[in-house]
């Protein structure tokens, strides 16, 4: 019988859902490993993968899932272990992206659903030595003593890598807006609440040749593999990043005459959207980059994808490419 491990964050989000998940997991023969402090999700997932677990499931929000993926990746088994998610956190964007409706449905999918090979976003600091130090450090999130967030190599992300204006965990952000546009919902809410904000000077180059694609002052840069991006839905299995740059402009320009709604549809000179396999972002000074809500600070980062690098249990509502009328059957591993 295959070994299945549930890495559970008991204090993440809705604790009633977390308790429900623990009960179902016990009934279905999962080993339950509870986190107690920051970085435990990474450590517990790494240990489970190294010990030979075939299925490792994150119970919590997007942050817990990110930690589990990091741990399995550190164990060198990201392509071997079947991953899953039980949505019990404050933010469950990735679970929604892969068609997981609720806690019982998550376990049903793990029992009888489909496993697909999905892309994983990666962020790395392409510099070495003194240059890397100059880029700024970050408080460690894995319980280690090392203050370099890239000490163990590139950092994965599943939903998005964001630089610029965000309203993190904004209580004012409407759920329907988050469902429509994902991470940009926090940006739009902030734009509606403030008339003054500072842009970030960015130079963005794409691909192995470092082709220049955008340079200037931005409100926000979003790069991700999440399906819900404003104006389109990203492909999660094509090895490419869905990138959006919102150019800095006076706040009144966004707020006047329904400009935010036009921004969502792409009918604005302030928006640049593209799809690329990788990009390098240079800022004029050290900036914070949010990786699924985990913050790292750097002046320069390289953002890329590992195409179909992880095996993930998805719900029946998941579509490999929601912009296509016919479902792409390539990449299916399960029945």
Protein backbone atom coordinates (compact mmCIF):
# COMPACT_ATOMS: atom_id res chain seq x y z
CA UNK A 1 0.00 0.00 0.00
CA UNK A 2 1.35 3.41 -0.94
CA UNK A 3 2.43 5.78 1.82
CA UNK A 4 0.35 8.93 1.98
CA UNK A 5 1.25 11.88 4.19
CA UNK A 6 -0.86 14.93 5.07
CA UNK A 7 1.20 17.97 6.10
CA UNK A 8 -1.35 19.95 8.08
CA UNK A 9 -1.19 23.53 9.29
CA UNK A 10 -3.74 23.43 12.14
CA UNK A 11 -3.85 27.22 12.59
CA UNK A 12 -4.16 28.20 8.94
CA UNK A 13 -7.42 29.89 7.96
CA UNK A 14 -10.58 27.99 8.82
CA UNK A 15 -9.75 25.65 11.69
CA UNK A 16 -13.08 23.84 11.33
CA UNK A 17 -12.02 22.73 7.85
CA UNK A 18 -8.62 21.71 9.20
CA UNK A 19 -10.23 19.51 11.88
CA UNK A 20 -12.53 18.01 9.25
CA UNK A 21 -9.52 17.24 7.06
CA UNK A 22 -7.70 15.51 9.91
CA UNK A 23 -10.69 13.24 10.52
CA UNK A 24 -11.03 12.24 6.87
CA UNK A 25 -7.28 11.72 6.58
CA UNK A 26 -7.25 9.32 9.55
CA UNK A 27 -10.19 7.37 8.15
CA UNK A 28 -8.42 6.99 4.80
CA UNK A 29 -5.07 5.89 6.14
CA UNK A 30 -3.01 9.06 5.79
CA UNK A 31 -0.12 9.80 8.11
CA UNK A 32 -0.76 13.24 9.63
CA UNK A 33 2.16 15.53 10.36
CA UNK A 34 1.18 18.83 11.98
CA UNK A 35 3.20 22.01 11.70
CA UNK A 36 4.04 23.85 14.91
CA UNK A 37 6.31 26.67 13.82
CA UNK A 38 7.43 28.55 10.74
CA UNK A 39 9.26 26.36 8.26
CA UNK A 40 7.77 23.09 9.51
CA UNK A 41 5.80 22.62 6.29
CA UNK A 42 9.07 22.58 4.32
CA UNK A 43 10.84 20.30 6.80
CA UNK A 44 7.99 17.82 7.19
CA UNK A 45 7.43 17.54 3.44
CA UNK A 46 11.14 17.09 2.81
CA UNK A 47 11.35 14.34 5.44
CA UNK A 48 8.26 12.59 4.10
CA UNK A 49 9.62 12.64 0.56
CA UNK A 50 13.05 11.44 1.68
CA UNK A 51 11.40 8.62 3.64
CA UNK A 52 9.71 7.35 0.49
CA UNK A 53 6.16 8.69 0.72
CA UNK A 54 4.37 8.37 -2.63
CA UNK A 55 1.62 10.95 -1.94
CA UNK A 56 2.18 14.18 0.00
CA UNK A 57 -0.72 16.56 0.56
CA UNK A 58 -0.76 20.09 1.94
CA UNK A 59 -3.63 20.96 4.29
CA UNK A 60 -3.84 24.72 4.65
CA UNK A 61 -3.64 27.69 2.33
CA UNK A 62 -1.41 28.71 -0.54
CA UNK A 63 1.50 29.39 1.82
CA UNK A 64 1.39 25.89 3.28
CA UNK A 65 1.21 24.38 -0.20
CA UNK A 66 4.20 26.43 -1.30
CA UNK A 67 6.17 25.12 1.67
CA UNK A 68 5.25 21.52 0.90
CA UNK A 69 6.35 21.90 -2.72
CA UNK A 70 9.63 23.46 -1.55
CA UNK A 71 10.23 20.55 0.81
CA UNK A 72 9.57 17.88 -1.80
CA UNK A 73 11.76 19.76 -4.26
CA UNK A 74 14.61 19.89 -1.72
CA UNK A 75 14.33 16.13 -1.32
CA UNK A 76 14.84 15.79 -5.08
CA UNK A 77 11.50 14.05 -5.62
CA UNK A 78 9.30 16.77 -7.11
CA UNK A 79 8.67 14.74 -10.26
CA UNK A 80 8.14 11.45 -8.42
CA UNK A 81 5.72 12.26 -5.59
CA UNK A 82 2.03 12.86 -6.28
CA UNK A 83 1.09 16.16 -4.65
CA UNK A 84 -2.32 17.35 -3.54
CA UNK A 85 -3.98 20.14 -1.63
CA UNK A 86 -6.80 20.29 0.92
CA UNK A 87 -8.16 23.87 0.94
CA UNK A 88 -8.25 24.86 4.61
CA UNK A 89 -6.39 28.18 4.61
CA UNK A 90 -7.19 31.85 4.28
CA UNK A 91 -6.09 31.89 0.65
CA UNK A 92 -6.85 28.80 -1.43
CA UNK A 93 -6.24 30.14 -4.91
CA UNK A 94 -4.27 27.20 -6.26
CA UNK A 95 -6.85 24.68 -5.03
CA UNK A 96 -9.49 26.61 -6.93
CA UNK A 97 -7.23 26.73 -10.00
CA UNK A 98 -6.98 22.93 -10.12
CA UNK A 99 -10.66 22.30 -9.49
CA UNK A 100 -10.65 21.38 -5.78
CA UNK A 101 -13.98 22.55 -4.35
CA UNK A 102 -13.79 21.74 -0.64
CA UNK A 103 -12.25 19.41 1.94
CA UNK A 104 -14.21 16.20 1.18
CA UNK A 105 -13.80 16.76 -2.56
CA UNK A 106 -10.03 17.08 -2.11
CA UNK A 107 -9.83 13.58 -0.61
CA UNK A 108 -12.14 12.15 -3.27
CA UNK A 109 -9.83 13.55 -5.95
CA UNK A 110 -6.82 11.99 -4.22
CA UNK A 111 -8.60 8.62 -4.23
CA UNK A 112 -10.18 8.57 -7.69
CA UNK A 113 -9.16 11.69 -9.59
CA UNK A 114 -6.68 12.49 -12.29
CA UNK A 115 -3.00 13.29 -11.80
CA UNK A 116 -1.43 15.73 -14.22
CA UNK A 117 2.04 17.10 -14.77
CA UNK A 118 1.91 20.84 -14.02
CA UNK A 119 4.44 23.62 -14.47
CA UNK A 120 6.22 25.09 -11.46
CA UNK A 121 7.35 28.70 -11.40
CA UNK A 122 10.88 29.33 -10.14
CA UNK A 123 12.63 32.47 -8.88
CA UNK A 124 16.39 32.69 -8.58
CA UNK A 125 19.04 35.32 -7.89
CA UNK A 126 21.28 35.13 -10.98
CA UNK A 127 24.18 36.89 -9.29
CA UNK A 128 27.05 35.51 -7.27
CA UNK A 129 29.21 36.66 -4.40
CA UNK A 130 29.16 40.29 -3.37
CA UNK A 131 26.56 41.19 -6.00
CA UNK A 132 24.06 38.84 -4.40
CA UNK A 133 24.63 40.40 -1.00
CA UNK A 134 24.07 43.84 -2.47
CA UNK A 135 20.67 42.71 -3.68
CA UNK A 136 19.28 42.52 -0.16
CA UNK A 137 18.43 39.65 2.15
CA UNK A 138 15.27 38.19 3.55
CA UNK A 139 14.11 36.72 6.80
CA UNK A 140 14.39 32.94 6.44
CA UNK A 141 11.12 31.06 6.14
CA UNK A 142 12.44 27.53 6.57
CA UNK A 143 13.71 27.64 10.13
CA UNK A 144 17.35 27.69 9.03
CA UNK A 145 20.04 30.07 10.23
CA UNK A 146 20.87 31.15 6.69
CA UNK A 147 19.50 34.58 5.83
CA UNK A 148 19.87 33.99 2.08
CA UNK A 149 16.46 32.92 0.69
CA UNK A 150 18.23 31.34 -2.30
CA UNK A 151 20.85 29.41 -0.30
CA UNK A 152 19.21 26.12 -1.32
CA UNK A 153 18.73 27.14 -4.94
CA UNK A 154 15.77 28.63 -6.81
CA UNK A 155 12.52 29.21 -4.93
CA UNK A 156 9.32 27.70 -6.37
CA UNK A 157 5.99 29.45 -6.69
CA UNK A 158 2.67 28.07 -7.86
CA UNK A 159 0.36 31.06 -8.19
CA UNK A 160 2.40 34.17 -8.84
CA UNK A 161 5.51 36.22 -8.33
CA UNK A 162 4.53 39.83 -7.70
CA UNK A 163 6.58 43.02 -7.46
CA UNK A 164 5.08 46.43 -6.78
CA UNK A 165 1.82 47.61 -5.34
CA UNK A 166 -0.21 44.99 -3.51
CA UNK A 167 -2.75 45.13 -0.72
CA UNK A 168 -1.74 41.96 1.02
CA UNK A 169 -4.57 40.10 2.72
CA UNK A 170 -6.83 43.11 2.22
CA UNK A 171 -10.08 42.62 4.06
CA UNK A 172 -11.68 45.04 1.61
CA UNK A 173 -11.04 42.88 -1.44
CA UNK A 174 -14.28 41.35 -2.68
CA UNK A 175 -14.26 37.55 -3.14
CA UNK A 176 -15.85 37.84 -6.58
CA UNK A 177 -13.08 40.19 -7.73
CA UNK A 178 -10.44 37.75 -6.43
CA UNK A 179 -12.17 34.95 -8.33
CA UNK A 180 -12.16 37.00 -11.54
CA UNK A 181 -8.62 38.35 -11.56
CA UNK A 182 -6.63 36.52 -8.89
CA UNK A 183 -3.63 38.36 -7.44
CA UNK A 184 -4.49 41.58 -9.29
CA UNK A 185 -7.60 41.93 -7.10
CA UNK A 186 -5.46 43.25 -4.23
CA UNK A 187 -3.83 45.79 -6.56
CA UNK A 188 -7.16 47.03 -7.88
CA UNK A 189 -8.57 47.35 -4.36
CA UNK A 190 -5.57 49.45 -3.34
CA UNK A 191 -5.97 51.67 -6.40
CA UNK A 192 -9.56 52.30 -5.40
CA UNK A 193 -8.57 53.20 -1.84
CA UNK A 194 -5.63 55.54 -2.42
CA UNK A 195 -4.94 58.49 -4.69
CA UNK A 196 -1.17 58.46 -4.27
CA UNK A 197 1.30 55.63 -4.75
CA UNK A 198 4.90 55.25 -5.84
CA UNK A 199 5.85 53.25 -8.90
CA UNK A 200 8.84 50.92 -9.17
CA UNK A 201 11.52 51.39 -11.83
CA UNK A 202 11.95 48.07 -13.63
CA UNK A 203 13.85 46.77 -16.62
CA UNK A 204 12.45 43.46 -17.92
CA UNK A 205 14.15 41.13 -20.38
CA UNK A 206 12.89 37.78 -21.65
CA UNK A 207 14.21 34.50 -22.96
CA UNK A 208 17.72 33.05 -23.16
CA UNK A 209 18.95 36.00 -25.22
CA UNK A 210 17.69 38.56 -22.71
CA UNK A 211 15.51 40.37 -25.24
CA UNK A 212 14.26 43.70 -23.82
CA UNK A 213 10.48 43.66 -23.47
CA UNK A 214 9.61 46.48 -21.07
CA UNK A 215 11.34 49.29 -19.19
CA UNK A 216 9.89 52.07 -17.11
CA UNK A 217 7.96 52.85 -13.96
CA UNK A 218 5.41 50.19 -13.06
CA UNK A 219 2.61 49.96 -10.55
CA UNK A 220 2.96 46.20 -10.44
CA UNK A 221 4.55 43.26 -12.22
CA UNK A 222 2.82 39.89 -12.01
CA UNK A 223 4.37 36.72 -13.39
CA UNK A 224 2.73 33.41 -12.80
CA UNK A 225 1.25 30.12 -13.79
CA UNK A 226 -2.14 30.71 -12.16
CA UNK A 227 -5.10 30.22 -14.44
CA UNK A 228 -6.85 33.44 -13.49
CA UNK A 229 -5.03 36.48 -14.77
CA UNK A 230 -6.85 39.64 -15.91
CA UNK A 231 -8.19 39.33 -19.41
CA UNK A 232 -7.06 35.74 -19.96
CA UNK A 233 -6.51 32.41 -18.26
CA UNK A 234 -3.01 31.00 -18.24
CA UNK A 235 -2.00 27.55 -19.46
CA UNK A 236 -0.54 25.54 -16.55
CA UNK A 237 1.25 22.94 -18.66
CA UNK A 238 2.98 24.86 -21.46
CA UNK A 239 6.26 25.81 -19.78
CA UNK A 240 5.52 29.52 -20.07
CA UNK A 241 4.87 32.39 -17.70
CA UNK A 242 1.82 34.60 -17.96
CA UNK A 243 3.20 38.11 -17.42
CA UNK A 244 1.36 41.35 -16.74
CA UNK A 245 2.89 44.80 -16.27
CA UNK A 246 0.69 47.70 -15.17
CA UNK A 247 2.42 50.96 -15.99
CA UNK A 248 2.59 53.71 -13.41
CA UNK A 249 0.21 56.60 -14.00
CA UNK A 250 -1.64 59.10 -11.79
CA UNK A 251 -4.13 57.22 -9.64
CA UNK A 252 -6.93 59.46 -10.86
CA UNK A 253 -6.38 58.08 -14.37
CA UNK A 254 -7.25 54.60 -13.17
CA UNK A 255 -10.21 55.69 -11.09
CA UNK A 256 -11.88 58.02 -13.56
CA UNK A 257 -14.66 56.86 -15.86
CA UNK A 258 -14.41 53.15 -15.05
CA UNK A 259 -10.75 52.83 -16.06
CA UNK A 260 -10.25 49.88 -13.71
CA UNK A 261 -12.86 47.85 -15.59
CA UNK A 262 -11.12 48.71 -18.85
CA UNK A 263 -7.85 47.62 -17.25
CA UNK A 264 -9.33 44.18 -16.64
CA UNK A 265 -10.22 43.83 -20.28
CA UNK A 266 -6.90 45.14 -21.57
CA UNK A 267 -8.42 48.26 -23.13
CA UNK A 268 -5.87 50.66 -21.70
CA UNK A 269 -2.45 52.01 -22.69
CA UNK A 270 -1.19 51.25 -19.19
CA UNK A 271 -1.15 47.46 -19.51
CA UNK A 272 1.42 45.12 -21.10
CA UNK A 273 0.63 41.41 -21.25
CA UNK A 274 2.82 38.66 -22.67
CA UNK A 275 3.68 34.97 -22.39
CA UNK A 276 7.35 33.98 -22.12
CA UNK A 277 9.36 30.99 -20.82
CA UNK A 278 11.58 33.15 -18.59
CA UNK A 279 12.45 36.72 -17.73
CA UNK A 280 15.02 38.72 -15.79
CA UNK A 281 13.79 41.68 -13.75
CA UNK A 282 16.16 44.47 -12.74
CA UNK A 283 15.07 47.20 -10.33
CA UNK A 284 16.95 50.40 -9.59
CA UNK A 285 16.98 49.47 -5.91
CA UNK A 286 16.19 46.45 -3.77
CA UNK A 287 12.50 45.54 -3.98
CA UNK A 288 10.22 42.99 -2.37
CA UNK A 289 8.96 40.11 -4.50
CA UNK A 290 6.01 38.09 -3.24
CA UNK A 291 6.15 34.36 -4.04
CA UNK A 292 2.70 33.00 -3.20
CA UNK A 293 2.68 35.52 -0.34
CA UNK A 294 6.21 34.74 0.91
CA UNK A 295 8.42 37.83 0.63
CA UNK A 296 11.99 37.96 -0.63
CA UNK A 297 13.95 41.15 -1.25
CA UNK A 298 16.24 41.56 -4.22
CA UNK A 299 17.28 44.13 -6.80
CA UNK A 300 17.48 41.53 -9.55
CA UNK A 301 15.68 38.20 -10.01
CA UNK A 302 15.34 35.59 -12.71
CA UNK A 303 11.84 34.13 -13.10
CA UNK A 304 11.35 30.92 -15.06
CA UNK A 305 9.30 27.74 -15.27
CA UNK A 306 10.00 24.06 -14.91
CA UNK A 307 7.70 22.62 -17.52
CA UNK A 308 5.42 19.87 -16.17
CA UNK A 309 7.79 19.39 -13.26
CA UNK A 310 5.32 18.24 -10.61
CA UNK A 311 2.61 15.61 -10.50
CA UNK A 312 -0.58 17.03 -8.99
CA UNK A 313 -4.02 15.59 -8.24
CA UNK A 314 -6.63 17.76 -9.99
CA UNK A 315 -10.41 17.93 -9.90
CA UNK A 316 -12.72 17.14 -12.78
CA UNK A 317 -13.31 20.86 -13.43
CA UNK A 318 -9.64 21.50 -14.12
CA UNK A 319 -8.87 22.29 -17.77
CA UNK A 320 -5.28 22.16 -19.05
CA UNK A 321 -5.94 25.18 -21.24
CA UNK A 322 -9.27 26.89 -20.60
CA UNK A 323 -8.89 29.07 -23.71
CA UNK A 324 -9.09 25.98 -25.95
CA UNK A 325 -12.46 24.43 -26.80
CA UNK A 326 -11.00 20.94 -26.91
CA UNK A 327 -9.20 19.58 -23.85
CA UNK A 328 -5.55 18.74 -24.41
CA UNK A 329 -5.09 15.12 -23.38
CA UNK A 330 -1.30 15.34 -23.29
CA UNK A 331 0.14 15.17 -19.80
CA UNK A 332 -2.56 12.99 -18.28
CA UNK A 333 -1.10 10.41 -15.88
CA UNK A 334 -4.18 9.07 -14.16
CA UNK A 335 -7.45 7.53 -15.40
